[in-house]
Amino acid sequence: GADPVIRGRLPYAGREWVDLFMFDIHHTYCSMRTEETDGMRIETY
């Protein structure tokens, strides 16, 4: 009986959070990569 208001993301289908943007993001000279190992996640800009 709730009023569904989904804030800043797609509605959950599983457990993953997926952002809901109104634009695409592009970089020319910069980038970001993600690595996961042994319970650690490293985001390198």
PDB file of all heavy atoms in Angstrom:
ATOM      1  N   GLY A   1       0.785  -1.230   0.000  1.00  0.00           N
ATOM      2  CA  GLY A   1       0.000   0.000   0.000  1.00  0.00           C
ATOM      3  C   GLY A   1       0.810   1.268   0.000  1.00  0.00           C
ATOM      4  O   GLY A   1       0.305   2.340   0.349  1.00  0.00           O
ATOM      5  N   ALA A   2       2.085   1.176  -0.374  1.00  0.00           N
ATOM      6  CA  ALA A   2       2.952   2.354  -0.385  1.00  0.00           C
ATOM      7  C   ALA A   2       2.770   3.142  -1.684  1.00  0.00           C
ATOM      8  O   ALA A   2       2.208   2.658  -2.663  1.00  0.00           O
ATOM      9  CB  ALA A   2       4.406   1.931  -0.230  1.00  0.00           C
ATOM     10  N   ASP A   3       3.255   4.373  -1.679  1.00  0.00           N
ATOM     11  CA  ASP A   3       3.307   5.211  -2.874  1.00  0.00           C
ATOM     12  C   ASP A   3       4.726   5.123  -3.425  1.00  0.00           C
ATOM     13  O   ASP A   3       5.639   5.740  -2.868  1.00  0.00           O
ATOM     14  CB  ASP A   3       2.972   6.667  -2.534  1.00  0.00           C
ATOM     15  CG  ASP A   3       1.564   6.816  -1.969  1.00  0.00           C
ATOM     16  OD1 ASP A   3       0.614   6.544  -2.712  1.00  0.00           O
ATOM     17  OD2 ASP A   3       1.437   7.196  -0.786  1.00  0.00           O
ATOM     18  N   PRO A   4       4.945   4.363  -4.499  1.00  0.00           N
ATOM     19  CA  PRO A   4       6.314   4.157  -4.978  1.00  0.00           C
ATOM     20  C   PRO A   4       6.969   5.456  -5.466  1.00  0.00           C
ATOM     21  O   PRO A   4       6.513   6.075  -6.420  1.00  0.00           O
ATOM     22  CB  PRO A   4       6.138   3.168  -6.144  1.00  0.00           C
ATOM     23  CG  PRO A   4       4.834   2.489  -5.877  1.00  0.00           C
ATOM     24  CD  PRO A   4       3.974   3.555  -5.257  1.00  0.00           C
ATOM     25  N   VAL A   5       8.020   5.870  -4.776  1.00  0.00           N
ATOM     26  CA  VAL A   5       8.863   6.992  -5.197  1.00  0.00           C
ATOM     27  C   VAL A   5      10.288   6.455  -5.232  1.00  0.00           C
ATOM     28  O   VAL A   5      10.860   6.122  -4.192  1.00  0.00           O
ATOM     29  CB  VAL A   5       8.755   8.196  -4.237  1.00  0.00           C
ATOM     30  CG1 VAL A   5       9.700   9.306  -4.681  1.00  0.00           C
ATOM     31  CG2 VAL A   5       7.319   8.706  -4.185  1.00  0.00           C
ATOM     32  N   ILE A   6      10.860   6.351  -6.416  1.00  0.00           N
ATOM     33  CA  ILE A   6      12.196   5.779  -6.582  1.00  0.00           C
ATOM     34  C   ILE A   6      13.177   6.919  -6.729  1.00  0.00           C
ATOM     35  O   ILE A   6      13.116   7.692  -7.671  1.00  0.00           O
ATOM     36  CB  ILE A   6      12.252   4.844  -7.801  1.00  0.00           C
ATOM     37  CG1 ILE A   6      11.092   3.838  -7.748  1.00  0.00           C
ATOM     38  CG2 ILE A   6      13.599   4.147  -7.858  1.00  0.00           C
ATOM     39  CD1 ILE A   6      11.111   2.935  -6.526  1.00  0.00           C
ATOM     40  N   ARG A   7      14.095   7.024  -5.789  1.00  0.00           N
ATOM     41  CA  ARG A   7      14.962   8.193  -5.672  1.00  0.00           C
ATOM     42  C   ARG A   7      16.358   7.934  -6.246  1.00  0.00           C
ATOM     43  O   ARG A   7      17.149   7.197  -5.674  1.00  0.00           O
ATOM     44  CB  ARG A   7      15.087   8.584  -4.191  1.00  0.00           C
ATOM     45  CG  ARG A   7      13.758   8.864  -3.485  1.00  0.00           C
ATOM     46  CD  ARG A   7      13.936   8.699  -1.987  1.00  0.00           C
ATOM     47  NE  ARG A   7      12.785   9.081  -1.203  1.00  0.00           N
ATOM     48  CZ  ARG A   7      11.752   8.283  -0.943  1.00  0.00           C
ATOM     49  NH1 ARG A   7      11.713   7.062  -1.448  1.00  0.00           N
ATOM     50  NH2 ARG A   7      10.750   8.695  -0.192  1.00  0.00           N
ATOM     51  N   GLY A   8      16.642   8.537  -7.386  1.00  0.00           N
ATOM     52  CA  GLY A   8      18.000   8.578  -7.901  1.00  0.00           C
ATOM     53  C   GLY A   8      18.537   7.297  -8.497  1.00  0.00           C
ATOM     54  O   GLY A   8      19.737   7.178  -8.716  1.00  0.00           O
ATOM     55  N   ARG A   9      17.681   6.331  -8.776  1.00  0.00           N
ATOM     56  CA  ARG A   9      18.158   5.045  -9.288  1.00  0.00           C
ATOM     57  C   ARG A   9      17.026   4.329 -10.012  1.00  0.00           C
ATOM     58  O   ARG A   9      15.879   4.763  -9.994  1.00  0.00           O
ATOM     59  CB  ARG A   9      18.646   4.168  -8.132  1.00  0.00           C
ATOM     60  CG  ARG A   9      17.555   3.971  -7.084  1.00  0.00           C
ATOM     61  CD  ARG A   9      17.994   3.103  -5.920  1.00  0.00           C
ATOM     62  NE  ARG A   9      16.995   3.095  -4.855  1.00  0.00           N
ATOM     63  CZ  ARG A   9      15.889   2.382  -4.865  1.00  0.00           C
ATOM     64  NH1 ARG A   9      15.618   1.583  -5.896  1.00  0.00           N
ATOM     65  NH2 ARG A   9      15.021   2.455  -3.860  1.00  0.00           N
ATOM     66  N   LEU A  10      17.391   3.211 -10.646  1.00  0.00           N
ATOM     67  CA  LEU A  10      16.378   2.342 -11.220  1.00  0.00           C
ATOM     68  C   LEU A  10      15.738   1.537 -10.100  1.00  0.00           C
ATOM     69  O   LEU A  10      16.379   1.269  -9.079  1.00  0.00           O
ATOM     70  CB  LEU A  10      16.998   1.392 -12.245  1.00  0.00           C
ATOM     71  CG  LEU A  10      17.116   1.892 -13.691  1.00  0.00           C
ATOM     72  CD1 LEU A  10      18.019   3.126 -13.772  1.00  0.00           C
ATOM     73  CD2 LEU A  10      17.654   0.801 -14.601  1.00  0.00           C
ATOM     74  N   PRO A  11      14.474   1.139 -10.259  1.00  0.00           N
ATOM     75  CA  PRO A  11      13.872   0.286  -9.228  1.00  0.00           C
ATOM     76  C   PRO A  11      14.636  -1.031  -9.124  1.00  0.00           C
ATOM     77  O   PRO A  11      15.090  -1.579 -10.123  1.00  0.00           O
ATOM     78  CB  PRO A  11      12.437   0.074  -9.727  1.00  0.00           C
ATOM     79  CG  PRO A  11      12.488   0.378 -11.193  1.00  0.00           C
ATOM     80  CD  PRO A  11      13.539   1.410 -11.361  1.00  0.00           C
ATOM     81  N   TYR A  12      14.760  -1.532  -7.895  1.00  0.00           N
ATOM     82  CA  TYR A  12      15.482  -2.777  -7.688  1.00  0.00           C
ATOM     83  C   TYR A  12      14.789  -3.926  -8.417  1.00  0.00           C
ATOM     84  O   TYR A  12      13.588  -4.142  -8.280  1.00  0.00           O
ATOM     85  CB  TYR A  12      15.549  -3.122  -6.206  1.00  0.00           C
ATOM     86  CG  TYR A  12      16.603  -2.386  -5.435  1.00  0.00           C
ATOM     87  CD1 TYR A  12      16.271  -1.526  -4.400  1.00  0.00           C
ATOM     88  CD2 TYR A  12      17.953  -2.576  -5.731  1.00  0.00           C
ATOM     89  CE1 TYR A  12      17.247  -0.867  -3.673  1.00  0.00           C
ATOM     90  CE2 TYR A  12      18.936  -1.904  -5.011  1.00  0.00           C
ATOM     91  CZ  TYR A  12      18.572  -1.064  -3.979  1.00  0.00           C
ATOM     92  OH  TYR A  12      19.539  -0.411  -3.264  1.00  0.00           O
ATOM     93  N   ALA A  13      15.598  -4.691  -9.168  1.00  0.00           N
ATOM     94  CA  ALA A  13      15.151  -5.975  -9.700  1.00  0.00           C
ATOM     95  C   ALA A  13      15.902  -7.082  -8.963  1.00  0.00           C
ATOM     96  O   ALA A  13      15.369  -8.155  -8.711  1.00  0.00           O
ATOM     97  CB  ALA A  13      15.402  -6.058 -11.197  1.00  0.00           C
ATOM     98  N   GLY A  14      17.169  -6.795  -8.625  1.00  0.00           N
ATOM     99  CA  GLY A  14      17.967  -7.668  -7.775  1.00  0.00           C
ATOM    100  C   GLY A  14      18.486  -6.853  -6.618  1.00  0.00           C
ATOM    101  O   GLY A  14      17.754  -6.071  -6.022  1.00  0.00           O
ATOM    102  N   ARG A  15      19.797  -6.979  -6.317  1.00  0.00           N
ATOM    103  CA  ARG A  15      20.399  -6.210  -5.230  1.00  0.00           C
ATOM    104  C   ARG A  15      21.211  -5.024  -5.733  1.00  0.00           C
ATOM    105  O   ARG A  15      21.640  -4.195  -4.942  1.00  0.00           O
ATOM    106  CB  ARG A  15      21.310  -7.104  -4.390  1.00  0.00           C
ATOM    107  CG  ARG A  15      20.563  -8.063  -3.464  1.00  0.00           C
ATOM    108  CD  ARG A  15      21.537  -8.825  -2.579  1.00  0.00           C
ATOM    109  NE  ARG A  15      20.830  -9.582  -1.547  1.00  0.00           N
ATOM    110  CZ  ARG A  15      20.271 -10.755  -1.744  1.00  0.00           C
ATOM    111  NH1 ARG A  15      20.354 -11.307  -2.947  1.00  0.00           N
ATOM    112  NH2 ARG A  15      19.633 -11.383  -0.773  1.00  0.00           N
ATOM    113  N   GLU A  16      21.431  -4.970  -7.029  1.00  0.00           N
ATOM    114  CA  GLU A  16      22.346  -3.963  -7.564  1.00  0.00           C
ATOM    115  C   GLU A  16      21.687  -2.587  -7.651  1.00  0.00           C
ATOM    116  O   GLU A  16      20.570  -2.447  -8.142  1.00  0.00           O
ATOM    117  CB  GLU A  16      22.827  -4.380  -8.954  1.00  0.00           C
ATOM    118  CG  GLU A  16      23.863  -3.440  -9.564  1.00  0.00           C
ATOM    119  CD  GLU A  16      24.328  -3.882 -10.932  1.00  0.00           C
ATOM    120  OE1 GLU A  16      23.800  -4.898 -11.445  1.00  0.00           O
ATOM    121  OE2 GLU A  16      25.210  -3.222 -11.496  1.00  0.00           O
ATOM    122  N   TRP A  17      22.410  -1.577  -7.164  1.00  0.00           N
ATOM    123  CA  TRP A  17      22.000  -0.179  -7.301  1.00  0.00           C
ATOM    124  C   TRP A  17      22.463   0.317  -8.663  1.00  0.00           C
ATOM    125  O   TRP A  17      23.647   0.250  -8.982  1.00  0.00           O
ATOM    126  CB  TRP A  17      22.625   0.653  -6.186  1.00  0.00           C
ATOM    127  CG  TRP A  17      22.396   2.137  -6.279  1.00  0.00           C
ATOM    128  CD1 TRP A  17      22.829   2.978  -7.259  1.00  0.00           C
ATOM    129  CD2 TRP A  17      21.689   2.964  -5.344  1.00  0.00           C
ATOM    130  NE1 TRP A  17      22.436   4.272  -7.012  1.00  0.00           N
ATOM    131  CE2 TRP A  17      21.739   4.289  -5.834  1.00  0.00           C
ATOM    132  CE3 TRP A  17      21.030   2.711  -4.146  1.00  0.00           C
ATOM    133  CZ2 TRP A  17      21.148   5.356  -5.155  1.00  0.00           C
ATOM    134  CZ3 TRP A  17      20.447   3.784  -3.479  1.00  0.00           C
ATOM    135  CH2 TRP A  17      20.513   5.083  -3.978  1.00  0.00           C
ATOM    136  N   VAL A  18      21.532   0.825  -9.471  1.00  0.00           N
ATOM    137  CA  VAL A  18      21.872   1.383 -10.782  1.00  0.00           C
ATOM    138  C   VAL A  18      21.365   2.821 -10.821  1.00  0.00           C
ATOM    139  O   VAL A  18      20.160   3.067 -10.691  1.00  0.00           O
ATOM    140  CB  VAL A  18      21.243   0.572 -11.939  1.00  0.00           C
ATOM    141  CG1 VAL A  18      21.624   1.194 -13.281  1.00  0.00           C
ATOM    142  CG2 VAL A  18      21.683  -0.888 -11.869  1.00  0.00           C
ATOM    143  N   ASP A  19      22.280   3.778 -10.978  1.00  0.00           N
ATOM    144  CA  ASP A  19      21.915   5.189 -10.974  1.00  0.00           C
ATOM    145  C   ASP A  19      21.000   5.532 -12.144  1.00  0.00           C
ATOM    146  O   ASP A  19      21.137   4.976 -13.245  1.00  0.00           O
ATOM    147  CB  ASP A  19      23.167   6.066 -11.060  1.00  0.00           C
ATOM    148  CG  ASP A  19      24.082   5.891  -9.865  1.00  0.00           C
ATOM    149  OD1 ASP A  19      23.576   5.884  -8.730  1.00  0.00           O
ATOM    150  OD2 ASP A  19      25.309   5.759 -10.074  1.00  0.00           O
ATOM    151  N   LEU A  20      20.085   6.449 -11.906  1.00  0.00           N
ATOM    152  CA  LEU A  20      19.202   6.960 -12.954  1.00  0.00           C
ATOM    153  C   LEU A  20      19.621   8.380 -13.285  1.00  0.00           C
ATOM    154  O   LEU A  20      19.328   9.320 -12.550  1.00  0.00           O
ATOM    155  CB  LEU A  20      17.741   6.927 -12.487  1.00  0.00           C
ATOM    156  CG  LEU A  20      16.717   7.551 -13.449  1.00  0.00           C
ATOM    157  CD1 LEU A  20      16.768   6.877 -14.818  1.00  0.00           C
ATOM    158  CD2 LEU A  20      15.309   7.466 -12.866  1.00  0.00           C
ATOM    159  N   PHE A  21      20.336   8.533 -14.385  1.00  0.00           N
ATOM    160  CA  PHE A  21      20.787   9.839 -14.844  1.00  0.00           C
ATOM    161  C   PHE A  21      19.929  10.309 -16.012  1.00  0.00           C
ATOM    162  O   PHE A  21      19.291   9.507 -16.689  1.00  0.00           O
ATOM    163  CB  PHE A  21      22.249   9.786 -15.304  1.00  0.00           C
ATOM    164  CG  PHE A  21      23.237   9.538 -14.201  1.00  0.00           C
ATOM    165  CD1 PHE A  21      24.226   8.578 -14.335  1.00  0.00           C
ATOM    166  CD2 PHE A  21      23.198  10.279 -13.029  1.00  0.00           C
ATOM    167  CE1 PHE A  21      25.152   8.358 -13.332  1.00  0.00           C
ATOM    168  CE2 PHE A  21      24.119  10.064 -12.015  1.00  0.00           C
ATOM    169  CZ  PHE A  21      25.086   9.098 -12.160  1.00  0.00           C
ATOM    170  N   MET A  22      19.974  11.608 -16.258  1.00  0.00           N
ATOM    171  CA  MET A  22      19.309  12.202 -17.413  1.00  0.00           C
ATOM    172  C   MET A  22      20.344  12.707 -18.414  1.00  0.00           C
ATOM    173  O   MET A  22      20.087  13.610 -19.184  1.00  0.00           O
ATOM    174  CB  MET A  22      18.397  13.345 -16.965  1.00  0.00           C
ATOM    175  CG  MET A  22      17.304  12.913 -16.023  1.00  0.00           C
ATOM    176  SD  MET A  22      16.069  11.852 -16.803  1.00  0.00           S
ATOM    177  CE  MET A  22      15.080  13.098 -17.637  1.00  0.00           C
ATOM    178  N   PHE A  23      21.520  12.121 -18.378  1.00  0.00           N
ATOM    179  CA  PHE A  23      22.609  12.540 -19.255  1.00  0.00           C
ATOM    180  C   PHE A  23      23.626  11.410 -19.345  1.00  0.00           C
ATOM    181  O   PHE A  23      23.652  10.496 -18.517  1.00  0.00           O
ATOM    182  CB  PHE A  23      23.290  13.805 -18.728  1.00  0.00           C
ATOM    183  CG  PHE A  23      23.529  13.799 -17.251  1.00  0.00           C
ATOM    184  CD1 PHE A  23      24.544  13.041 -16.697  1.00  0.00           C
ATOM    185  CD2 PHE A  23      22.705  14.522 -16.397  1.00  0.00           C
ATOM    186  CE1 PHE A  23      24.759  13.013 -15.332  1.00  0.00           C
ATOM    187  CE2 PHE A  23      22.907  14.497 -15.021  1.00  0.00           C
ATOM    188  CZ  PHE A  23      23.942  13.734 -14.490  1.00  0.00           C
ATOM    189  N   ASP A  24      24.467  11.463 -20.381  1.00  0.00           N
ATOM    190  CA  ASP A  24      25.624  10.584 -20.510  1.00  0.00           C
ATOM    191  C   ASP A  24      26.864  11.351 -20.083  1.00  0.00           C
ATOM    192  O   ASP A  24      26.965  12.563 -20.303  1.00  0.00           O
ATOM    193  CB  ASP A  24      25.784  10.107 -21.960  1.00  0.00           C
ATOM    194  CG  ASP A  24      24.616   9.262 -22.422  1.00  0.00           C
ATOM    195  OD1 ASP A  24      24.106   8.463 -21.612  1.00  0.00           O
ATOM    196  OD2 ASP A  24      24.211   9.401 -23.595  1.00  0.00           O
ATOM    197  N   ILE A  25      27.818  10.647 -19.485  1.00  0.00           N
ATOM    198  CA  ILE A  25      29.040  11.261 -18.985  1.00  0.00           C
ATOM    199  C   ILE A  25      30.207  10.840 -19.875  1.00  0.00           C
ATOM    200  O   ILE A  25      30.397   9.645 -20.135  1.00  0.00           O
ATOM    201  CB  ILE A  25      29.314  10.830 -17.533  1.00  0.00           C
ATOM    202  CG1 ILE A  25      28.097  11.142 -16.647  1.00  0.00           C
ATOM    203  CG2 ILE A  25      30.564  11.498 -16.996  1.00  0.00           C
ATOM    204  CD1 ILE A  25      28.188  10.542 -15.266  1.00  0.00           C
ATOM    205  N   HIS A  26      30.964  11.818 -20.337  1.00  0.00           N
ATOM    206  CA  HIS A  26      32.103  11.527 -21.209  1.00  0.00           C
ATOM    207  C   HIS A  26      33.350  12.254 -20.691  1.00  0.00           C
ATOM    208  O   HIS A  26      33.271  13.344 -20.134  1.00  0.00           O
ATOM    209  CB  HIS A  26      31.821  11.973 -22.643  1.00  0.00           C
ATOM    210  CG  HIS A  26      30.686  11.253 -23.287  1.00  0.00           C
ATOM    211  ND1 HIS A  26      30.794   9.969 -23.777  1.00  0.00           N
ATOM    212  CD2 HIS A  26      29.399  11.626 -23.509  1.00  0.00           C
ATOM    213  CE1 HIS A  26      29.626   9.587 -24.277  1.00  0.00           C
ATOM    214  NE2 HIS A  26      28.770  10.568 -24.121  1.00  0.00           N
ATOM    215  N   HIS A  27      34.500  11.604 -20.903  1.00  0.00           N
ATOM    216  CA  HIS A  27      35.799  12.210 -20.620  1.00  0.00           C
ATOM    217  C   HIS A  27      36.681  12.078 -21.851  1.00  0.00           C
ATOM    218  O   HIS A  27      36.606  11.092 -22.584  1.00  0.00           O
ATOM    219  CB  HIS A  27      36.484  11.535 -19.434  1.00  0.00           C
ATOM    220  CG  HIS A  27      35.901  11.891 -18.110  1.00  0.00           C
ATOM    221  ND1 HIS A  27      36.264  13.027 -17.424  1.00  0.00           N
ATOM    222  CD2 HIS A  27      34.971  11.275 -17.347  1.00  0.00           C
ATOM    223  CE1 HIS A  27      35.597  13.080 -16.282  1.00  0.00           C
ATOM    224  NE2 HIS A  27      34.797  12.035 -16.213  1.00  0.00           N
ATOM    225  N   THR A  28      37.528  13.066 -22.067  1.00  0.00           N
ATOM    226  CA  THR A  28      38.465  13.036 -23.187  1.00  0.00           C
ATOM    227  C   THR A  28      39.840  12.557 -22.753  1.00  0.00           C
ATOM    228  O   THR A  28      40.433  11.675 -23.391  1.00  0.00           O
ATOM    229  CB  THR A  28      38.586  14.436 -23.818  1.00  0.00           C
ATOM    230  OG1 THR A  28      37.290  14.874 -24.237  1.00  0.00           O
ATOM    231  CG2 THR A  28      39.525  14.403 -25.024  1.00  0.00           C
ATOM    232  N   TYR A  29      40.357  13.101 -21.669  1.00  0.00           N
ATOM    233  CA  TYR A  29      41.708  12.797 -21.225  1.00  0.00           C
ATOM    234  C   TYR A  29      41.749  12.012 -19.912  1.00  0.00           C
ATOM    235  O   TYR A  29      42.788  11.459 -19.565  1.00  0.00           O
ATOM    236  CB  TYR A  29      42.518  14.090 -21.053  1.00  0.00           C
ATOM    237  CG  TYR A  29      42.578  14.924 -22.309  1.00  0.00           C
ATOM    238  CD1 TYR A  29      41.842  16.099 -22.424  1.00  0.00           C
ATOM    239  CD2 TYR A  29      43.365  14.533 -23.391  1.00  0.00           C
ATOM    240  CE1 TYR A  29      41.883  16.863 -23.584  1.00  0.00           C
ATOM    241  CE2 TYR A  29      43.405  15.283 -24.555  1.00  0.00           C
ATOM    242  CZ  TYR A  29      42.669  16.449 -24.647  1.00  0.00           C
ATOM    243  OH  TYR A  29      42.705  17.197 -25.792  1.00  0.00           O
ATOM    244  N   CYS A  30      40.649  11.979 -19.200  1.00  0.00           N
ATOM    245  CA  CYS A  30      40.595  11.303 -17.908  1.00  0.00           C
ATOM    246  C   CYS A  30      39.756  10.028 -18.007  1.00  0.00           C
ATOM    247  O   CYS A  30      38.970   9.859 -18.935  1.00  0.00           O
ATOM    248  CB  CYS A  30      40.013  12.223 -16.840  1.00  0.00           C
ATOM    249  SG  CYS A  30      40.973  13.737 -16.574  1.00  0.00           S
ATOM    250  N   SER A  31      39.910   9.160 -17.026  1.00  0.00           N
ATOM    251  CA  SER A  31      39.137   7.915 -17.008  1.00  0.00           C
ATOM    252  C   SER A  31      39.070   7.388 -15.585  1.00  0.00           C
ATOM    253  O   SER A  31      39.786   7.847 -14.688  1.00  0.00           O
ATOM    254  CB  SER A  31      39.770   6.864 -17.925  1.00  0.00           C
ATOM    255  OG  SER A  31      41.070   6.530 -17.466  1.00  0.00           O
ATOM    256  N   MET A  32      38.198   6.409 -15.378  1.00  0.00           N
ATOM    257  CA  MET A  32      38.075   5.753 -14.078  1.00  0.00           C
ATOM    258  C   MET A  32      37.948   4.254 -14.301  1.00  0.00           C
ATOM    259  O   MET A  32      37.227   3.807 -15.180  1.00  0.00           O
ATOM    260  CB  MET A  32      36.859   6.281 -13.313  1.00  0.00           C
ATOM    261  CG  MET A  32      36.835   5.866 -11.825  1.00  0.00           C
ATOM    262  SD  MET A  32      36.184   4.223 -11.489  1.00  0.00           S
ATOM    263  CE  MET A  32      34.427   4.609 -11.331  1.00  0.00           C
ATOM    264  N   ARG A  33      38.683   3.481 -13.516  1.00  0.00           N
ATOM    265  CA  ARG A  33      38.570   2.021 -13.590  1.00  0.00           C
ATOM    266  C   ARG A  33      38.403   1.452 -12.187  1.00  0.00           C
ATOM    267  O   ARG A  33      38.837   2.058 -11.200  1.00  0.00           O
ATOM    268  CB  ARG A  33      39.792   1.406 -14.269  1.00  0.00           C
ATOM    269  CG  ARG A  33      41.079   1.481 -13.470  1.00  0.00           C
ATOM    270  CD  ARG A  33      42.238   0.784 -14.175  1.00  0.00           C
ATOM    271  NE  ARG A  33      43.412   0.675 -13.333  1.00  0.00           N
ATOM    272  CZ  ARG A  33      44.326   1.612 -13.198  1.00  0.00           C
ATOM    273  NH1 ARG A  33      44.199   2.752 -13.887  1.00  0.00           N
ATOM    274  NH2 ARG A  33      45.365   1.431 -12.405  1.00  0.00           N
ATOM    275  N   THR A  34      37.741   0.309 -12.091  1.00  0.00           N
ATOM    276  CA  THR A  34      37.468  -0.333 -10.809  1.00  0.00           C
ATOM    277  C   THR A  34      38.038  -1.742 -10.807  1.00  0.00           C
ATOM    278  O   THR A  34      37.860  -2.490 -11.772  1.00  0.00           O
ATOM    279  CB  THR A  34      35.956  -0.387 -10.532  1.00  0.00           C
ATOM    280  OG1 THR A  34      35.428   0.950 -10.533  1.00  0.00           O
ATOM    281  CG2 THR A  34      35.670  -1.028  -9.185  1.00  0.00           C
ATOM    282  N   GLU A  35      38.710  -2.095  -9.704  1.00  0.00           N
ATOM    283  CA  GLU A  35      39.248  -3.436  -9.530  1.00  0.00           C
ATOM    284  C   GLU A  35      38.795  -3.965  -8.179  1.00  0.00           C
ATOM    285  O   GLU A  35      38.787  -3.232  -7.190  1.00  0.00           O
ATOM    286  CB  GLU A  35      40.780  -3.417  -9.584  1.00  0.00           C
ATOM    287  CG  GLU A  35      41.363  -2.806 -10.859  1.00  0.00           C
ATOM    288  CD  GLU A  35      42.852  -2.550 -10.723  1.00  0.00           C
ATOM    289  OE1 GLU A  35      43.216  -1.450 -10.241  1.00  0.00           O
ATOM    290  OE2 GLU A  35      43.630  -3.455 -11.090  1.00  0.00           O
ATOM    291  N   GLU A  36      38.435  -5.250  -8.135  1.00  0.00           N
ATOM    292  CA  GLU A  36      38.040  -5.891  -6.885  1.00  0.00           C
ATOM    293  C   GLU A  36      38.916  -7.116  -6.642  1.00  0.00           C
ATOM    294  O   GLU A  36      39.089  -7.941  -7.535  1.00  0.00           O
ATOM    295  CB  GLU A  36      36.567  -6.300  -6.923  1.00  0.00           C
ATOM    296  CG  GLU A  36      35.600  -5.132  -6.886  1.00  0.00           C
ATOM    297  CD  GLU A  36      34.152  -5.567  -6.778  1.00  0.00           C
ATOM    298  OE1 GLU A  36      33.920  -6.763  -6.433  1.00  0.00           O
ATOM    299  OE2 GLU A  36      33.267  -4.740  -7.043  1.00  0.00           O
ATOM    300  N   THR A  37      39.460  -7.208  -5.424  1.00  0.00           N
ATOM    301  CA  THR A  37      40.292  -8.353  -5.074  1.00  0.00           C
ATOM    302  C   THR A  37      40.365  -8.491  -3.564  1.00  0.00           C
ATOM    303  O   THR A  37      40.534  -7.500  -2.846  1.00  0.00           O
ATOM    304  CB  THR A  37      41.718  -8.204  -5.653  1.00  0.00           C
ATOM    305  OG1 THR A  37      42.517  -9.312  -5.222  1.00  0.00           O
ATOM    306  CG2 THR A  37      42.376  -6.915  -5.202  1.00  0.00           C
ATOM    307  N   ASP A  38      40.190  -9.731  -3.082  1.00  0.00           N
ATOM    308  CA  ASP A  38      40.333 -10.040  -1.650  1.00  0.00           C
ATOM    309  C   ASP A  38      39.502  -9.116  -0.767  1.00  0.00           C
ATOM    310  O   ASP A  38      39.985  -8.607   0.262  1.00  0.00           O
ATOM    311  CB  ASP A  38      41.806  -9.965  -1.236  1.00  0.00           C
ATOM    312  CG  ASP A  38      42.671 -10.987  -1.975  1.00  0.00           C
ATOM    313  OD1 ASP A  38      42.151 -12.061  -2.293  1.00  0.00           O
ATOM    314  OD2 ASP A  38      43.845 -10.671  -2.246  1.00  0.00           O
ATOM    315  N   GLY A  39      38.265  -8.883  -1.139  1.00  0.00           N
ATOM    316  CA  GLY A  39      37.394  -8.062  -0.314  1.00  0.00           C
ATOM    317  C   GLY A  39      37.682  -6.582  -0.360  1.00  0.00           C
ATOM    318  O   GLY A  39      37.162  -5.826   0.461  1.00  0.00           O
ATOM    319  N   MET A  40      38.503  -6.148  -1.306  1.00  0.00           N
ATOM    320  CA  MET A  40      38.815  -4.728  -1.466  1.00  0.00           C
ATOM    321  C   MET A  40      38.398  -4.281  -2.861  1.00  0.00           C
ATOM    322  O   MET A  40      38.550  -5.014  -3.836  1.00  0.00           O
ATOM    323  CB  MET A  40      40.303  -4.461  -1.278  1.00  0.00           C
ATOM    324  CG  MET A  40      40.879  -4.968   0.042  1.00  0.00           C
ATOM    325  SD  MET A  40      40.213  -4.125   1.492  1.00  0.00           S
ATOM    326  CE  MET A  40      41.074  -2.550   1.367  1.00  0.00           C
ATOM    327  N   ARG A  41      37.878  -3.071  -2.954  1.00  0.00           N
ATOM    328  CA  ARG A  41      37.531  -2.482  -4.247  1.00  0.00           C
ATOM    329  C   ARG A  41      38.297  -1.171  -4.394  1.00  0.00           C
ATOM    330  O   ARG A  41      38.195  -0.285  -3.555  1.00  0.00           O
ATOM    331  CB  ARG A  41      36.026  -2.215  -4.359  1.00  0.00           C
ATOM    332  CG  ARG A  41      35.614  -1.710  -5.749  1.00  0.00           C
ATOM    333  CD  ARG A  41      34.116  -1.595  -5.854  1.00  0.00           C
ATOM    334  NE  ARG A  41      33.592  -0.514  -5.054  1.00  0.00           N
ATOM    335  CZ  ARG A  41      32.352  -0.448  -4.590  1.00  0.00           C
ATOM    336  NH1 ARG A  41      31.513  -1.437  -4.824  1.00  0.00           N
ATOM    337  NH2 ARG A  41      31.949   0.588  -3.878  1.00  0.00           N
ATOM    338  N   ILE A  42      39.070  -1.086  -5.466  1.00  0.00           N
ATOM    339  CA  ILE A  42      39.889   0.100  -5.708  1.00  0.00           C
ATOM    340  C   ILE A  42      39.376   0.825  -6.942  1.00  0.00           C
ATOM    341  O   ILE A  42      39.303   0.248  -8.023  1.00  0.00           O
ATOM    342  CB  ILE A  42      41.368  -0.278  -5.901  1.00  0.00           C
ATOM    343  CG1 ILE A  42      41.884  -1.035  -4.677  1.00  0.00           C
ATOM    344  CG2 ILE A  42      42.209   0.969  -6.151  1.00  0.00           C
ATOM    345  CD1 ILE A  42      43.289  -1.561  -4.844  1.00  0.00           C
ATOM    346  N   GLU A  43      38.977   2.089  -6.756  1.00  0.00           N
ATOM    347  CA  GLU A  43      38.529   2.938  -7.861  1.00  0.00           C
ATOM    348  C   GLU A  43      39.660   3.909  -8.180  1.00  0.00           C
ATOM    349  O   GLU A  43      40.035   4.729  -7.336  1.00  0.00           O
ATOM    350  CB  GLU A  43      37.255   3.680  -7.475  1.00  0.00           C
ATOM    351  CG  GLU A  43      36.087   2.737  -7.196  1.00  0.00           C
ATOM    352  CD  GLU A  43      34.921   3.401  -6.500  1.00  0.00           C
ATOM    353  OE1 GLU A  43      35.082   4.534  -6.000  1.00  0.00           O
ATOM    354  OE2 GLU A  43      33.854   2.772  -6.424  1.00  0.00           O
ATOM    355  N   THR A  44      40.202   3.798  -9.378  1.00  0.00           N
ATOM    356  CA  THR A  44      41.348   4.626  -9.782  1.00  0.00           C
ATOM    357  C   THR A  44      40.903   5.654 -10.809  1.00  0.00           C
ATOM    358  O   THR A  44      40.390   5.302 -11.873  1.00  0.00           O
ATOM    359  CB  THR A  44      42.474   3.765 -10.373  1.00  0.00           C
ATOM    360  OG1 THR A  44      42.882   2.790  -9.410  1.00  0.00           O
ATOM    361  CG2 THR A  44      43.671   4.631 -10.752  1.00  0.00           C
ATOM    362  N   TYR A  45      41.088   6.921 -10.481  1.00  0.00           N
ATOM    363  CA  TYR A  45      40.767   8.023 -11.386  1.00  0.00           C
ATOM    364  C   TYR A  45      42.075   8.494 -12.026  1.00  0.00           C
ATOM    365  O   TYR A  45      42.976   8.952 -11.326  1.00  0.00           O
ATOM    366  CB  TYR A  45      40.099   9.165 -10.631  1.00  0.00           C
ATOM    367  CG  TYR A  45      38.745   8.810 -10.080  1.00  0.00           C
ATOM    368  CD1 TYR A  45      38.624   8.122  -8.872  1.00  0.00           C
ATOM    369  CD2 TYR A  45      37.586   9.146 -10.768  1.00  0.00           C
ATOM    370  CE1 TYR A  45      37.375   7.782  -8.373  1.00  0.00           C
ATOM    371  CE2 TYR A  45      36.336   8.807 -10.264  1.00  0.00           C
ATOM    372  CZ  TYR A  45      36.241   8.125  -9.070  1.00  0.00           C
ATOM    373  OH  TYR A  45      35.010   7.787  -8.572  1.00  0.00           O
TER     374      TYR A  45
END
